[in-house]
Amino acid sequence: MQKINFKAKGNDLRDAFHPIHLTEVDGTALRLVLIQGEYHWHLHPEEDELFIVVQGTLTVEFPDHTVQLQEWEGIRIPKGTPHRTKAEDQTVVLIIEPVQTDTRGVRIEDLGGGV
């Protein structure tokens, strides 16, 4: 067993929207991701996600509303929910989701729809 230095891992993030896998617990992955700019509209058809902002401010957009998260605030995104994330400044987010989750999600445009 080894400790995980979450702060150091967060400081090592360089590429926005490319999560790093920290560990897993009973089939649940803990991943850190750097968010800066705007990600595409997508969904995860089979998995819920939990976002916890570790550093910065995160905006999560849904088709009918927007949620702004500050440090140490989080949101659960139910499976099948269209969403996109964005941050003006570098923001570090802890993502908790099933280990098999494709972190890129399925693009809404690939489903033949729009938001």
PDB file of N, CA and C in Angstrom:
ATOM      1  N   MET A   1       0.843  -1.184   0.000  1.00  0.00           N
ATOM      2  CA  MET A   1       0.000   0.000   0.000  1.00  0.00           C
ATOM      3  C   MET A   1       0.882   1.239   0.000  1.00  0.00           C
ATOM      4  N   GLN A   2       0.510   2.166  -0.845  1.00  0.00           N
ATOM      5  CA  GLN A   2       1.249   3.417  -0.927  1.00  0.00           C
ATOM      6  C   GLN A   2       0.267   4.577  -0.852  1.00  0.00           C
ATOM      7  N   LYS A   3       0.725   5.657  -0.246  1.00  0.00           N
ATOM      8  CA  LYS A   3      -0.133   6.834  -0.189  1.00  0.00           C
ATOM      9  C   LYS A   3      -0.174   7.504  -1.558  1.00  0.00           C
ATOM     10  N   ILE A   4      -1.238   8.265  -1.771  1.00  0.00           N
ATOM     11  CA  ILE A   4      -1.397   9.028  -3.006  1.00  0.00           C
ATOM     12  C   ILE A   4      -1.346  10.502  -2.630  1.00  0.00           C
ATOM     13  N   ASN A   5      -0.431  11.220  -3.217  1.00  0.00           N
ATOM     14  CA  ASN A   5      -0.325  12.656  -2.979  1.00  0.00           C
ATOM     15  C   ASN A   5      -1.156  13.366  -4.048  1.00  0.00           C
ATOM     16  N   PHE A   6      -2.421  13.628  -3.725  1.00  0.00           N
ATOM     17  CA  PHE A   6      -3.351  14.229  -4.680  1.00  0.00           C
ATOM     18  C   PHE A   6      -2.867  15.602  -5.149  1.00  0.00           C
ATOM     19  N   LYS A   7      -2.313  16.369  -4.237  1.00  0.00           N
ATOM     20  CA  LYS A   7      -1.841  17.708  -4.593  1.00  0.00           C
ATOM     21  C   LYS A   7      -0.708  17.634  -5.615  1.00  0.00           C
ATOM     22  N   ALA A   8       0.242  16.749  -5.379  1.00  0.00           N
ATOM     23  CA  ALA A   8       1.364  16.597  -6.315  1.00  0.00           C
ATOM     24  C   ALA A   8       0.864  16.108  -7.673  1.00  0.00           C
ATOM     25  N   LYS A   9      -0.059  15.164  -7.659  1.00  0.00           N
ATOM     26  CA  LYS A   9      -0.621  14.666  -8.926  1.00  0.00           C
ATOM     27  C   LYS A   9      -1.328  15.802  -9.661  1.00  0.00           C
ATOM     28  N   GLY A  10      -2.066  16.624  -8.938  1.00  0.00           N
ATOM     29  CA  GLY A  10      -2.738  17.762  -9.556  1.00  0.00           C
ATOM     30  C   GLY A  10      -1.758  18.757 -10.137  1.00  0.00           C
ATOM     31  N   ASN A  11      -0.660  18.974  -9.446  1.00  0.00           N
ATOM     32  CA  ASN A  11       0.371  19.894  -9.944  1.00  0.00           C
ATOM     33  C   ASN A  11       1.070  19.360 -11.189  1.00  0.00           C
ATOM     34  N   ASP A  12       1.041  18.032 -11.377  1.00  0.00           N
ATOM     35  CA  ASP A  12       1.677  17.412 -12.535  1.00  0.00           C
ATOM     36  C   ASP A  12       0.816  17.466 -13.799  1.00  0.00           C
ATOM     37  N   LEU A  13      -0.468  17.808 -13.653  1.00  0.00           N
ATOM     38  CA  LEU A  13      -1.357  17.842 -14.822  1.00  0.00           C
ATOM     39  C   LEU A  13      -0.905  18.926 -15.790  1.00  0.00           C
ATOM     40  N   ARG A  14      -0.818  18.582 -17.067  1.00  0.00           N
ATOM     41  CA  ARG A  14      -0.357  19.531 -18.080  1.00  0.00           C
ATOM     42  C   ARG A  14      -1.357  19.708 -19.216  1.00  0.00           C
ATOM     43  N   ASP A  15      -2.037  18.637 -19.581  1.00  0.00           N
ATOM     44  CA  ASP A  15      -2.919  18.660 -20.742  1.00  0.00           C
ATOM     45  C   ASP A  15      -4.382  18.702 -20.305  1.00  0.00           C
ATOM     46  N   ALA A  16      -5.088  19.742 -20.721  1.00  0.00           N
ATOM     47  CA  ALA A  16      -6.501  19.874 -20.374  1.00  0.00           C
ATOM     48  C   ALA A  16      -7.310  18.731 -20.983  1.00  0.00           C
ATOM     49  N   PHE A  17      -8.278  18.278 -20.224  1.00  0.00           N
ATOM     50  CA  PHE A  17      -9.237  17.254 -20.648  1.00  0.00           C
ATOM     51  C   PHE A  17      -8.610  15.880 -20.901  1.00  0.00           C
ATOM     52  N   HIS A  18      -7.473  15.612 -20.249  1.00  0.00           N
ATOM     53  CA  HIS A  18      -6.842  14.300 -20.323  1.00  0.00           C
ATOM     54  C   HIS A  18      -6.658  13.784 -18.895  1.00  0.00           C
ATOM     55  N   PRO A  19      -7.675  13.098 -18.362  1.00  0.00           N
ATOM     56  CA  PRO A  19      -7.612  12.651 -16.971  1.00  0.00           C
ATOM     57  C   PRO A  19      -6.485  11.651 -16.724  1.00  0.00           C
ATOM     58  N   ILE A  20      -5.979  11.690 -15.504  1.00  0.00           N
ATOM     59  CA  ILE A  20      -5.027  10.660 -15.081  1.00  0.00           C
ATOM     60  C   ILE A  20      -5.721   9.773 -14.051  1.00  0.00           C
ATOM     61  N   HIS A  21      -5.468   8.497 -14.149  1.00  0.00           N
ATOM     62  CA  HIS A  21      -6.054   7.498 -13.256  1.00  0.00           C
ATOM     63  C   HIS A  21      -5.215   7.444 -11.987  1.00  0.00           C
ATOM     64  N   LEU A  22      -5.836   7.719 -10.848  1.00  0.00           N
ATOM     65  CA  LEU A  22      -5.103   7.694  -9.577  1.00  0.00           C
ATOM     66  C   LEU A  22      -5.134   6.322  -8.929  1.00  0.00           C
ATOM     67  N   THR A  23      -6.343   5.783  -8.813  1.00  0.00           N
ATOM     68  CA  THR A  23      -6.521   4.478  -8.178  1.00  0.00           C
ATOM     69  C   THR A  23      -7.944   4.023  -8.424  1.00  0.00           C
ATOM     70  N   GLU A  24      -8.244   2.825  -7.981  1.00  0.00           N
ATOM     71  CA  GLU A  24      -9.626   2.367  -8.027  1.00  0.00           C
ATOM     72  C   GLU A  24      -9.966   1.652  -6.736  1.00  0.00           C
ATOM     73  N   VAL A  25     -11.235   1.728  -6.398  1.00  0.00           N
ATOM     74  CA  VAL A  25     -11.753   1.093  -5.192  1.00  0.00           C
ATOM     75  C   VAL A  25     -13.020   0.342  -5.577  1.00  0.00           C
ATOM     76  N   ASP A  26     -12.981  -0.976  -5.474  1.00  0.00           N
ATOM     77  CA  ASP A  26     -14.150  -1.808  -5.784  1.00  0.00           C
ATOM     78  C   ASP A  26     -14.812  -1.439  -7.108  1.00  0.00           C
ATOM     79  N   GLY A  27     -14.016  -1.283  -8.149  1.00  0.00           N
ATOM     80  CA  GLY A  27     -14.549  -1.009  -9.474  1.00  0.00           C
ATOM     81  C   GLY A  27     -14.870   0.445  -9.755  1.00  0.00           C
ATOM     82  N   THR A  28     -14.528   1.308  -8.815  1.00  0.00           N
ATOM     83  CA  THR A  28     -14.756   2.745  -8.984  1.00  0.00           C
ATOM     84  C   THR A  28     -13.411   3.437  -9.149  1.00  0.00           C
ATOM     85  N   ALA A  29     -13.288   4.234 -10.214  1.00  0.00           N
ATOM     86  CA  ALA A  29     -12.038   4.929 -10.505  1.00  0.00           C
ATOM     87  C   ALA A  29     -12.033   6.318  -9.887  1.00  0.00           C
ATOM     88  N   LEU A  30     -10.877   6.723  -9.396  1.00  0.00           N
ATOM     89  CA  LEU A  30     -10.631   8.102  -8.996  1.00  0.00           C
ATOM     90  C   LEU A  30      -9.645   8.663  -9.990  1.00  0.00           C
ATOM     91  N   ARG A  31     -10.065   9.738 -10.665  1.00  0.00           N
ATOM     92  CA  ARG A  31      -9.234  10.349 -11.705  1.00  0.00           C
ATOM     93  C   ARG A  31      -9.141  11.836 -11.454  1.00  0.00           C
ATOM     94  N   LEU A  32      -8.007  12.411 -11.808  1.00  0.00           N
ATOM     95  CA  LEU A  32      -7.832  13.862 -11.752  1.00  0.00           C
ATOM     96  C   LEU A  32      -7.746  14.378 -13.176  1.00  0.00           C
ATOM     97  N   VAL A  33      -8.341  15.545 -13.399  1.00  0.00           N
ATOM     98  CA  VAL A  33      -8.292  16.136 -14.721  1.00  0.00           C
ATOM     99  C   VAL A  33      -8.115  17.643 -14.605  1.00  0.00           C
ATOM    100  N   LEU A  34      -7.353  18.188 -15.523  1.00  0.00           N
ATOM    101  CA  LEU A  34      -7.186  19.633 -15.654  1.00  0.00           C
ATOM    102  C   LEU A  34      -8.209  20.106 -16.677  1.00  0.00           C
ATOM    103  N   ILE A  35      -8.985  21.097 -16.310  1.00  0.00           N
ATOM    104  CA  ILE A  35      -9.971  21.663 -17.226  1.00  0.00           C
ATOM    105  C   ILE A  35      -9.634  23.121 -17.450  1.00  0.00           C
ATOM    106  N   GLN A  36      -9.497  23.481 -18.703  1.00  0.00           N
ATOM    107  CA  GLN A  36      -9.311  24.874 -19.095  1.00  0.00           C
ATOM    108  C   GLN A  36      -9.859  25.013 -20.501  1.00  0.00           C
ATOM    109  N   GLY A  37     -10.777  25.936 -20.678  1.00  0.00           N
ATOM    110  CA  GLY A  37     -11.482  26.056 -21.941  1.00  0.00           C
ATOM    111  C   GLY A  37     -12.799  25.310 -21.854  1.00  0.00           C
ATOM    112  N   GLU A  38     -13.299  24.901 -23.014  1.00  0.00           N
ATOM    113  CA  GLU A  38     -14.632  24.311 -23.101  1.00  0.00           C
ATOM    114  C   GLU A  38     -14.548  22.926 -23.733  1.00  0.00           C
ATOM    115  N   TYR A  39     -15.199  21.948 -23.107  1.00  0.00           N
ATOM    116  CA  TYR A  39     -15.259  20.595 -23.640  1.00  0.00           C
ATOM    117  C   TYR A  39     -16.514  20.460 -24.499  1.00  0.00           C
ATOM    118  N   HIS A  40     -16.580  19.430 -25.330  1.00  0.00           N
ATOM    119  CA  HIS A  40     -17.750  19.242 -26.191  1.00  0.00           C
ATOM    120  C   HIS A  40     -18.942  18.679 -25.404  1.00  0.00           C
ATOM    121  N   TRP A  41     -20.140  18.883 -25.948  1.00  0.00           N
ATOM    122  CA  TRP A  41     -21.346  18.293 -25.378  1.00  0.00           C
ATOM    123  C   TRP A  41     -21.252  16.777 -25.529  1.00  0.00           C
ATOM    124  N   HIS A  42     -21.532  16.068 -24.433  1.00  0.00           N
ATOM    125  CA  HIS A  42     -21.451  14.616 -24.460  1.00  0.00           C
ATOM    126  C   HIS A  42     -22.309  14.028 -23.349  1.00  0.00           C
ATOM    127  N   LEU A  43     -22.380  12.717 -23.341  1.00  0.00           N
ATOM    128  CA  LEU A  43     -23.041  12.005 -22.246  1.00  0.00           C
ATOM    129  C   LEU A  43     -22.352  10.670 -22.056  1.00  0.00           C
ATOM    130  N   HIS A  44     -22.664  10.041 -20.940  1.00  0.00           N
ATOM    131  CA  HIS A  44     -22.165   8.703 -20.628  1.00  0.00           C
ATOM    132  C   HIS A  44     -23.412   7.830 -20.481  1.00  0.00           C
ATOM    133  N   PRO A  45     -23.694   6.977 -21.478  1.00  0.00           N
ATOM    134  CA  PRO A  45     -24.968   6.263 -21.489  1.00  0.00           C
ATOM    135  C   PRO A  45     -25.156   5.263 -20.350  1.00  0.00           C
ATOM    136  N   GLU A  46     -24.075   4.742 -19.797  1.00  0.00           N
ATOM    137  CA  GLU A  46     -24.196   3.663 -18.808  1.00  0.00           C
ATOM    138  C   GLU A  46     -23.671   4.000 -17.417  1.00  0.00           C
ATOM    139  N   GLU A  47     -23.039   5.171 -17.243  1.00  0.00           N
ATOM    140  CA  GLU A  47     -22.390   5.444 -15.955  1.00  0.00           C
ATOM    141  C   GLU A  47     -22.715   6.836 -15.431  1.00  0.00           C
ATOM    142  N   ASP A  48     -22.885   6.931 -14.120  1.00  0.00           N
ATOM    143  CA  ASP A  48     -22.940   8.218 -13.434  1.00  0.00           C
ATOM    144  C   ASP A  48     -21.502   8.717 -13.262  1.00  0.00           C
ATOM    145  N   GLU A  49     -21.368  10.033 -13.090  1.00  0.00           N
ATOM    146  CA  GLU A  49     -20.074  10.636 -12.769  1.00  0.00           C
ATOM    147  C   GLU A  49     -20.258  11.539 -11.557  1.00  0.00           C
ATOM    148  N   LEU A  50     -19.210  11.678 -10.777  1.00  0.00           N
ATOM    149  CA  LEU A  50     -19.189  12.641  -9.679  1.00  0.00           C
ATOM    150  C   LEU A  50     -17.977  13.532  -9.883  1.00  0.00           C
ATOM    151  N   PHE A  51     -18.204  14.837  -9.984  1.00  0.00           N
ATOM    152  CA  PHE A  51     -17.128  15.821 -10.113  1.00  0.00           C
ATOM    153  C   PHE A  51     -16.975  16.541  -8.786  1.00  0.00           C
ATOM    154  N   ILE A  52     -15.742  16.661  -8.317  1.00  0.00           N
ATOM    155  CA  ILE A  52     -15.420  17.456  -7.123  1.00  0.00           C
ATOM    156  C   ILE A  52     -14.301  18.409  -7.521  1.00  0.00           C
ATOM    157  N   VAL A  53     -14.559  19.705  -7.389  1.00  0.00           N
ATOM    158  CA  VAL A  53     -13.555  20.706  -7.756  1.00  0.00           C
ATOM    159  C   VAL A  53     -12.528  20.794  -6.639  1.00  0.00           C
ATOM    160  N   VAL A  54     -11.282  20.550  -6.984  1.00  0.00           N
ATOM    161  CA  VAL A  54     -10.177  20.598  -6.024  1.00  0.00           C
ATOM    162  C   VAL A  54      -9.521  21.971  -6.045  1.00  0.00           C
ATOM    163  N   GLN A  55      -9.420  22.541  -7.241  1.00  0.00           N
ATOM    164  CA  GLN A  55      -8.775  23.849  -7.397  1.00  0.00           C
ATOM    165  C   GLN A  55      -9.452  24.580  -8.547  1.00  0.00           C
ATOM    166  N   GLY A  56      -9.817  25.841  -8.331  1.00  0.00           N
ATOM    167  CA  GLY A  56     -10.393  26.652  -9.391  1.00  0.00           C
ATOM    168  C   GLY A  56     -11.906  26.696  -9.345  1.00  0.00           C
ATOM    169  N   THR A  57     -12.504  27.041 -10.481  1.00  0.00           N
ATOM    170  CA  THR A  57     -13.951  27.169 -10.623  1.00  0.00           C
ATOM    171  C   THR A  57     -14.376  26.440 -11.891  1.00  0.00           C
ATOM    172  N   LEU A  58     -15.389  25.603 -11.763  1.00  0.00           N
ATOM    173  CA  LEU A  58     -15.866  24.796 -12.879  1.00  0.00           C
ATOM    174  C   LEU A  58     -17.310  25.158 -13.209  1.00  0.00           C
ATOM    175  N   THR A  59     -17.578  25.297 -14.490  1.00  0.00           N
ATOM    176  CA  THR A  59     -18.943  25.470 -14.959  1.00  0.00           C
ATOM    177  C   THR A  59     -19.363  24.177 -15.637  1.00  0.00           C
ATOM    178  N   VAL A  60     -20.515  23.654 -15.238  1.00  0.00           N
ATOM    179  CA  VAL A  60     -21.080  22.466 -15.875  1.00  0.00           C
ATOM    180  C   VAL A  60     -22.397  22.898 -16.504  1.00  0.00           C
ATOM    181  N   GLU A  61     -22.468  22.761 -17.826  1.00  0.00           N
ATOM    182  CA  GLU A  61     -23.673  23.152 -18.552  1.00  0.00           C
ATOM    183  C   GLU A  61     -24.506  21.927 -18.870  1.00  0.00           C
ATOM    184  N   PHE A  62     -25.817  22.082 -18.689  1.00  0.00           N
ATOM    185  CA  PHE A  62     -26.806  21.089 -19.067  1.00  0.00           C
ATOM    186  C   PHE A  62     -27.738  21.756 -20.069  1.00  0.00           C
ATOM    187  N   PRO A  63     -28.534  21.004 -20.811  1.00  0.00           N
ATOM    188  CA  PRO A  63     -29.399  21.638 -21.805  1.00  0.00           C
ATOM    189  C   PRO A  63     -30.336  22.700 -21.239  1.00  0.00           C
ATOM    190  N   ASP A  64     -30.762  22.548 -19.983  1.00  0.00           N
ATOM    191  CA  ASP A  64     -31.744  23.473 -19.427  1.00  0.00           C
ATOM    192  C   ASP A  64     -31.237  24.355 -18.283  1.00  0.00           C
ATOM    193  N   HIS A  65     -29.994  24.175 -17.858  1.00  0.00           N
ATOM    194  CA  HIS A  65     -29.444  25.027 -16.797  1.00  0.00           C
ATOM    195  C   HIS A  65     -27.929  24.860 -16.712  1.00  0.00           C
ATOM    196  N   THR A  66     -27.319  25.741 -15.927  1.00  0.00           N
ATOM    197  CA  THR A  66     -25.868  25.750 -15.726  1.00  0.00           C
ATOM    198  C   THR A  66     -25.584  25.753 -14.232  1.00  0.00           C
ATOM    199  N   VAL A  67     -24.551  24.999 -13.834  1.00  0.00           N
ATOM    200  CA  VAL A  67     -24.141  24.944 -12.429  1.00  0.00           C
ATOM    201  C   VAL A  67     -22.701  25.408 -12.331  1.00  0.00           C
ATOM    202  N   GLN A  68     -22.441  26.320 -11.411  1.00  0.00           N
ATOM    203  CA  GLN A  68     -21.085  26.824 -11.158  1.00  0.00           C
ATOM    204  C   GLN A  68     -20.597  26.187  -9.862  1.00  0.00           C
ATOM    205  N   LEU A  69     -19.412  25.570  -9.922  1.00  0.00           N
ATOM    206  CA  LEU A  69     -18.838  24.904  -8.756  1.00  0.00           C
ATOM    207  C   LEU A  69     -17.542  25.585  -8.342  1.00  0.00           C
ATOM    208  N   GLN A  70     -17.433  25.841  -7.051  1.00  0.00           N
ATOM    209  CA  GLN A  70     -16.219  26.396  -6.465  1.00  0.00           C
ATOM    210  C   GLN A  70     -15.420  25.254  -5.839  1.00  0.00           C
ATOM    211  N   GLU A  71     -14.249  25.565  -5.324  1.00  0.00           N
ATOM    212  CA  GLU A  71     -13.410  24.540  -4.694  1.00  0.00           C
ATOM    213  C   GLU A  71     -14.177  23.810  -3.600  1.00  0.00           C
ATOM    214  N   TRP A  72     -14.041  22.503  -3.607  1.00  0.00           N
ATOM    215  CA  TRP A  72     -14.637  21.565  -2.671  1.00  0.00           C
ATOM    216  C   TRP A  72     -16.152  21.484  -2.783  1.00  0.00           C
ATOM    217  N   GLU A  73     -16.686  21.907  -3.940  1.00  0.00           N
ATOM    218  CA  GLU A  73     -18.077  21.644  -4.267  1.00  0.00           C
ATOM    219  C   GLU A  73     -18.098  20.577  -5.354  1.00  0.00           C
ATOM    220  N   GLY A  74     -19.187  19.855  -5.441  1.00  0.00           N
ATOM    221  CA  GLY A  74     -19.271  18.793  -6.425  1.00  0.00           C
ATOM    222  C   GLY A  74     -20.673  18.627  -6.967  1.00  0.00           C
ATOM    223  N   ILE A  75     -20.779  17.776  -7.970  1.00  0.00           N
ATOM    224  CA  ILE A  75     -22.067  17.471  -8.580  1.00  0.00           C
ATOM    225  C   ILE A  75     -22.034  16.059  -9.141  1.00  0.00           C
ATOM    226  N   ARG A  76     -23.156  15.347  -8.955  1.00  0.00           N
ATOM    227  CA  ARG A  76     -23.313  14.026  -9.559  1.00  0.00           C
ATOM    228  C   ARG A  76     -24.069  14.212 -10.860  1.00  0.00           C
ATOM    229  N   ILE A  77     -23.553  13.624 -11.920  1.00  0.00           N
ATOM    230  CA  ILE A  77     -24.193  13.695 -13.226  1.00  0.00           C
ATOM    231  C   ILE A  77     -24.722  12.297 -13.548  1.00  0.00           C
ATOM    232  N   PRO A  78     -26.050  12.142 -13.543  1.00  0.00           N
ATOM    233  CA  PRO A  78     -26.625  10.820 -13.804  1.00  0.00           C
ATOM    234  C   PRO A  78     -26.331  10.333 -15.221  1.00  0.00           C
ATOM    235  N   LYS A  79     -26.225   9.023 -15.362  1.00  0.00           N
ATOM    236  CA  LYS A  79     -25.979   8.442 -16.678  1.00  0.00           C
ATOM    237  C   LYS A  79     -27.024   8.935 -17.675  1.00  0.00           C
ATOM    238  N   GLY A  80     -26.564   9.130 -18.913  1.00  0.00           N
ATOM    239  CA  GLY A  80     -27.461   9.563 -19.968  1.00  0.00           C
ATOM    240  C   GLY A  80     -27.759  11.051 -19.997  1.00  0.00           C
ATOM    241  N   THR A  81     -27.136  11.836 -19.104  1.00  0.00           N
ATOM    242  CA  THR A  81     -27.407  13.273 -19.028  1.00  0.00           C
ATOM    243  C   THR A  81     -26.425  14.046 -19.911  1.00  0.00           C
ATOM    244  N   PRO A  82     -26.924  14.757 -20.941  1.00  0.00           N
ATOM    245  CA  PRO A  82     -26.025  15.580 -21.755  1.00  0.00           C
ATOM    246  C   PRO A  82     -25.428  16.705 -20.915  1.00  0.00           C
ATOM    247  N   HIS A  83     -24.130  16.930 -21.089  1.00  0.00           N
ATOM    248  CA  HIS A  83     -23.461  17.983 -20.333  1.00  0.00           C
ATOM    249  C   HIS A  83     -22.151  18.351 -21.011  1.00  0.00           C
ATOM    250  N   ARG A  84     -21.614  19.485 -20.605  1.00  0.00           N
ATOM    251  CA  ARG A  84     -20.252  19.861 -20.983  1.00  0.00           C
ATOM    252  C   ARG A  84     -19.669  20.681 -19.854  1.00  0.00           C
ATOM    253  N   THR A  85     -18.351  20.617 -19.741  1.00  0.00           N
ATOM    254  CA  THR A  85     -17.646  21.355 -18.696  1.00  0.00           C
ATOM    255  C   THR A  85     -16.814  22.448 -19.333  1.00  0.00           C
ATOM    256  N   LYS A  86     -16.599  23.501 -18.558  1.00  0.00           N
ATOM    257  CA  LYS A  86     -15.697  24.555 -19.020  1.00  0.00           C
ATOM    258  C   LYS A  86     -15.157  25.320 -17.826  1.00  0.00           C
ATOM    259  N   ALA A  87     -13.998  25.915 -18.041  1.00  0.00           N
ATOM    260  CA  ALA A  87     -13.343  26.723 -17.021  1.00  0.00           C
ATOM    261  C   ALA A  87     -12.494  27.773 -17.720  1.00  0.00           C
ATOM    262  N   GLU A  88     -12.620  29.003 -17.275  1.00  0.00           N
ATOM    263  CA  GLU A  88     -11.805  30.073 -17.858  1.00  0.00           C
ATOM    264  C   GLU A  88     -10.349  29.931 -17.460  1.00  0.00           C
ATOM    265  N   ASP A  89     -10.121  29.613 -16.190  1.00  0.00           N
ATOM    266  CA  ASP A  89      -8.759  29.432 -15.680  1.00  0.00           C
ATOM    267  C   ASP A  89      -8.525  27.959 -15.400  1.00  0.00           C
ATOM    268  N   GLN A  90      -7.271  27.587 -15.214  1.00  0.00           N
ATOM    269  CA  GLN A  90      -6.953  26.191 -14.928  1.00  0.00           C
ATOM    270  C   GLN A  90      -7.714  25.724 -13.689  1.00  0.00           C
ATOM    271  N   THR A  91      -8.412  24.626 -13.846  1.00  0.00           N
ATOM    272  CA  THR A  91      -9.221  24.057 -12.778  1.00  0.00           C
ATOM    273  C   THR A  91      -8.914  22.570 -12.686  1.00  0.00           C
ATOM    274  N   VAL A  92      -8.730  22.085 -11.468  1.00  0.00           N
ATOM    275  CA  VAL A  92      -8.436  20.669 -11.250  1.00  0.00           C
ATOM    276  C   VAL A  92      -9.668  20.027 -10.615  1.00  0.00           C
ATOM    277  N   VAL A  93     -10.100  18.925 -11.222  1.00  0.00           N
ATOM    278  CA  VAL A  93     -11.317  18.239 -10.794  1.00  0.00           C
ATOM    279  C   VAL A  93     -11.007  16.777 -10.500  1.00  0.00           C
ATOM    280  N   LEU A  94     -11.522  16.291  -9.381  1.00  0.00           N
ATOM    281  CA  LEU A  94     -11.481  14.867  -9.058  1.00  0.00           C
ATOM    282  C   LEU A  94     -12.753  14.248  -9.619  1.00  0.00           C
ATOM    283  N   ILE A  95     -12.592  13.233 -10.454  1.00  0.00           N
ATOM    284  CA  ILE A  95     -13.728  12.533 -11.045  1.00  0.00           C
ATOM    285  C   ILE A  95     -13.809  11.151 -10.413  1.00  0.00           C
ATOM    286  N   ILE A  96     -15.005  10.802  -9.956  1.00  0.00           N
ATOM    287  CA  ILE A  96     -15.255   9.480  -9.396  1.00  0.00           C
ATOM    288  C   ILE A  96     -16.319   8.828 -10.274  1.00  0.00           C
ATOM    289  N   GLU A  97     -15.964   7.689 -10.862  1.00  0.00           N
ATOM    290  CA  GLU A  97     -16.861   7.032 -11.810  1.00  0.00           C
ATOM    291  C   GLU A  97     -16.467   5.567 -11.929  1.00  0.00           C
ATOM    292  N   PRO A  98     -17.342   4.733 -12.480  1.00  0.00           N
ATOM    293  CA  PRO A  98     -16.950   3.337 -12.697  1.00  0.00           C
ATOM    294  C   PRO A  98     -15.691   3.258 -13.546  1.00  0.00           C
ATOM    295  N   VAL A  99     -14.839   2.306 -13.248  1.00  0.00           N
ATOM    296  CA  VAL A  99     -13.536   2.202 -13.900  1.00  0.00           C
ATOM    297  C   VAL A  99     -13.667   2.030 -15.416  1.00  0.00           C
ATOM    298  N   GLN A 100     -14.743   1.416 -15.891  1.00  0.00           N
ATOM    299  CA  GLN A 100     -14.894   1.174 -17.330  1.00  0.00           C
ATOM    300  C   GLN A 100     -15.383   2.401 -18.098  1.00  0.00           C
ATOM    301  N   THR A 101     -15.660   3.499 -17.418  1.00  0.00           N
ATOM    302  CA  THR A 101     -16.181   4.691 -18.078  1.00  0.00           C
ATOM    303  C   THR A 101     -15.193   5.239 -19.099  1.00  0.00           C
ATOM    304  N   ASP A 102     -15.687   5.473 -20.307  1.00  0.00           N
ATOM    305  CA  ASP A 102     -14.902   6.170 -21.321  1.00  0.00           C
ATOM    306  C   ASP A 102     -14.995   7.645 -20.962  1.00  0.00           C
ATOM    307  N   THR A 103     -13.914   8.208 -20.482  1.00  0.00           N
ATOM    308  CA  THR A 103     -13.944   9.572 -19.957  1.00  0.00           C
ATOM    309  C   THR A 103     -14.305  10.609 -21.010  1.00  0.00           C
ATOM    310  N   ARG A 104     -14.146  10.264 -22.278  1.00  0.00           N
ATOM    311  CA  ARG A 104     -14.491  11.211 -23.351  1.00  0.00           C
ATOM    312  C   ARG A 104     -15.992  11.303 -23.562  1.00  0.00           C
ATOM    313  N   GLY A 105     -16.710  10.263 -23.171  1.00  0.00           N
ATOM    314  CA  GLY A 105     -18.149  10.228 -23.367  1.00  0.00           C
ATOM    315  C   GLY A 105     -18.512  10.048 -24.835  1.00  0.00           C
ATOM    316  N   VAL A 106     -19.798  10.066 -25.099  1.00  0.00           N
ATOM    317  CA  VAL A 106     -20.320   9.971 -26.454  1.00  0.00           C
ATOM    318  C   VAL A 106     -20.765  11.370 -26.863  1.00  0.00           C
ATOM    319  N   ARG A 107     -20.182  11.878 -27.935  1.00  0.00           N
ATOM    320  CA  ARG A 107     -20.548  13.215 -28.411  1.00  0.00           C
ATOM    321  C   ARG A 107     -22.022  13.241 -28.808  1.00  0.00           C
ATOM    322  N   ILE A 108     -22.704  14.290 -28.394  1.00  0.00           N
ATOM    323  CA  ILE A 108     -24.115  14.443 -28.736  1.00  0.00           C
ATOM    324  C   ILE A 108     -24.290  14.469 -30.250  1.00  0.00           C
ATOM    325  N   GLU A 109     -23.396  15.145 -30.948  1.00  0.00           N
ATOM    326  CA  GLU A 109     -23.496  15.229 -32.407  1.00  0.00           C
ATOM    327  C   GLU A 109     -23.368  13.871 -33.074  1.00  0.00           C
ATOM    328  N   ASP A 110     -22.644  12.937 -32.415  1.00  0.00           N
ATOM    329  CA  ASP A 110     -22.510  11.583 -32.972  1.00  0.00           C
ATOM    330  C   ASP A 110     -23.786  10.780 -32.806  1.00  0.00           C
ATOM    331  N   LEU A 111     -24.670  11.238 -31.918  1.00  0.00           N
ATOM    332  CA  LEU A 111     -25.951  10.564 -31.719  1.00  0.00           C
ATOM    333  C   LEU A 111     -27.021  11.125 -32.649  1.00  0.00           C
ATOM    334  N   GLY A 112     -26.604  12.106 -33.473  1.00  0.00           N
ATOM    335  CA  GLY A 112     -27.546  12.700 -34.425  1.00  0.00           C
ATOM    336  C   GLY A 112     -28.421  13.779 -33.829  1.00  0.00           C
ATOM    337  N   GLY A 113     -28.030  14.237 -32.646  1.00  0.00           N
ATOM    338  CA  GLY A 113     -28.844  15.257 -31.985  1.00  0.00           C
ATOM    339  C   GLY A 113     -28.060  16.520 -31.712  1.00  0.00           C
ATOM    340  N   GLY A 114     -28.760  17.466 -31.211  1.00  0.00           N
ATOM    341  CA  GLY A 114     -28.165  18.732 -30.789  1.00  0.00           C
ATOM    342  C   GLY A 114     -28.597  19.030 -29.372  1.00  0.00           C
ATOM    343  N   VAL A 115     -28.043  20.067 -28.839  1.00  0.00           N
ATOM    344  CA  VAL A 115     -28.408  20.449 -27.465  1.00  0.00           C
ATOM    345  C   VAL A 115     -29.196  21.738 -27.508  1.00  0.00           C
TER     346      VAL A 115
END
